[in-house]
C-alpha atoms as a PDB file:
ATOM      1  CA  MET A   1     -26.370  -0.999   5.379  1.00  0.00           C
ATOM      2  CA  VAL A   2     -24.664  -2.241   2.439  1.00  0.00           C
ATOM      3  CA  ASN A   3     -20.969  -1.760   1.730  1.00  0.00           C
ATOM      4  CA  ILE A   4     -19.721  -1.697  -1.912  1.00  0.00           C
ATOM      5  CA  VAL A   5     -15.730  -2.828  -2.144  1.00  0.00           C
ATOM      6  CA  LYS A   6     -14.721  -2.128  -6.332  1.00  0.00           C
ATOM      7  CA  THR A   7     -11.152  -4.454  -6.668  1.00  0.00           C
ATOM      8  CA  GLY A   8      -9.576  -4.471 -10.540  1.00  0.00           C
ATOM      9  CA  ASP A   9     -12.820  -4.146 -12.084  1.00  0.00           C
ATOM     10  CA  VAL A  10     -14.939  -6.153  -9.458  1.00  0.00           C
ATOM     11  CA  LEU A  11     -17.653  -4.757  -7.723  1.00  0.00           C
ATOM     12  CA  ILE A  12     -18.151  -6.673  -4.520  1.00  0.00           C
ATOM     13  CA  LEU A  13     -21.820  -5.982  -1.920  1.00  0.00           C
ATOM     14  CA  THR A  14     -21.561  -6.979   1.002  1.00  0.00           C
ATOM     15  CA  ARG A  15     -23.367  -6.623   4.453  1.00  0.00           C
ATOM     16  CA  LYS A  16     -21.102  -5.148   6.540  1.00  0.00           C
ATOM     17  CA  GLN A  17     -18.072  -3.026   6.025  1.00  0.00           C
ATOM     18  CA  LEU A  18     -14.965  -5.748   5.200  1.00  0.00           C
ATOM     19  CA  ALA A  19     -12.019  -4.885   7.599  1.00  0.00           C
ATOM     20  CA  GLY A  20      -9.468  -4.158   5.032  1.00  0.00           C
ATOM     21  CA  ASP A  21     -11.965  -2.000   3.177  1.00  0.00           C
ATOM     22  CA  ALA A  22     -11.394   0.048   6.634  1.00  0.00           C
ATOM     23  CA  ALA A  23      -8.154  -0.379   6.870  1.00  0.00           C
ATOM     24  CA  SER A  24      -7.765   0.506   3.358  1.00  0.00           C
ATOM     25  CA  LYS A  25      -9.282   4.090   4.315  1.00  0.00           C
ATOM     26  CA  LYS A  26      -7.016   5.207   7.377  1.00  0.00           C
ATOM     27  CA  ILE A  27      -4.027   4.004   5.502  1.00  0.00           C
ATOM     28  CA  GLU A  28      -5.586   6.777   2.657  1.00  0.00           C
ATOM     29  CA  SER A  29      -5.831   9.354   4.778  1.00  0.00           C
ATOM     30  CA  ALA A  30      -2.651   8.736   7.147  1.00  0.00           C
ATOM     31  CA  MET A  31      -0.621   9.366   3.263  1.00  0.00           C
ATOM     32  CA  LYS A  32      -2.296  12.226   2.423  1.00  0.00           C
ATOM     33  CA  LYS A  33      -1.978  14.359   5.381  1.00  0.00           C
ATOM     34  CA  LYS A  34       2.266  13.400   5.402  1.00  0.00           C
ATOM     35  CA  GLY A  35       2.312  13.995   1.541  1.00  0.00           C
ATOM     36  CA  LEU A  36       3.127  10.615   0.379  1.00  0.00           C
ATOM     37  CA  SER A  37       1.651   8.776  -2.546  1.00  0.00           C
ATOM     38  CA  LEU A  38       1.805   5.039  -3.512  1.00  0.00           C
ATOM     39  CA  GLU A  39       3.911   5.835  -6.076  1.00  0.00           C
ATOM     40  CA  GLY A  40       6.501   7.723  -3.828  1.00  0.00           C
ATOM     41  CA  LEU A  41       6.061   4.362  -0.655  1.00  0.00           C
ATOM     42  CA  LEU A  42       7.722   1.819  -3.607  1.00  0.00           C
ATOM     43  CA  ASN A  43       9.989   4.267  -5.250  1.00  0.00           C
ATOM     44  CA  ASN A  44      11.803   4.342  -1.422  1.00  0.00           C
ATOM     45  CA  LEU A  45      11.472   0.493  -0.975  1.00  0.00           C
ATOM     46  CA  LYS A  46      12.993  -0.593  -3.347  1.00  0.00           C
ATOM     47  CA  GLU A  47      16.301   1.503  -2.971  1.00  0.00           C
ATOM     48  CA  GLN A  48      15.616   0.577   0.643  1.00  0.00           C
ATOM     49  CA  ARG A  49      16.656  -3.420  -1.116  1.00  0.00           C
ATOM     50  CA  LYS A  50      19.349  -2.127  -2.569  1.00  0.00           C
ATOM     51  CA  ARG A  51      21.049  -1.051   0.019  1.00  0.00           C
ATOM     52  CA  TYR A  52      19.631  -3.911   2.603  1.00  0.00           C
ATOM     53  CA  ASN A  53      21.456  -6.010  -0.497  1.00  0.00           C
ATOM     54  CA  LYS A  54      24.255  -3.937  -0.245  1.00  0.00           C
ATOM     55  CA  GLU A  55      24.959  -4.163   3.322  1.00  0.00           C
ATOM     56  CA  ALA A  56      23.850  -7.619   3.601  1.00  0.00           C
ATOM     57  CA  TYR A  57      25.205  -9.699   1.094  1.00  0.00           C
ATOM     58  CA  GLY A  58      28.220  -6.992  -0.027  1.00  0.00           C
ATOM     59  CA  LYS A  59      26.636  -6.275  -3.709  1.00  0.00           C
ATOM     60  CA  CYS A  60      23.419  -4.605  -4.872  1.00  0.00           C
ATOM     61  CA  LYS A  61      20.583  -6.014  -6.823  1.00  0.00           C
ATOM     62  CA  ALA A  62      18.608  -3.771  -9.536  1.00  0.00           C
END
């Protein structure tokens, strides 16, 4: 069995499935089931960081 993983413009060929590849497929599936997008998660992360900085340091970083 050969596994092909595309990372950017590079194809990686391995004899067995990479652990990161399997994990990313599980995460992608879970996100789809919950209707989440990577962009939405990153936007939420940015907002959470702003809130944390305000609570912890009394200021808000952009």
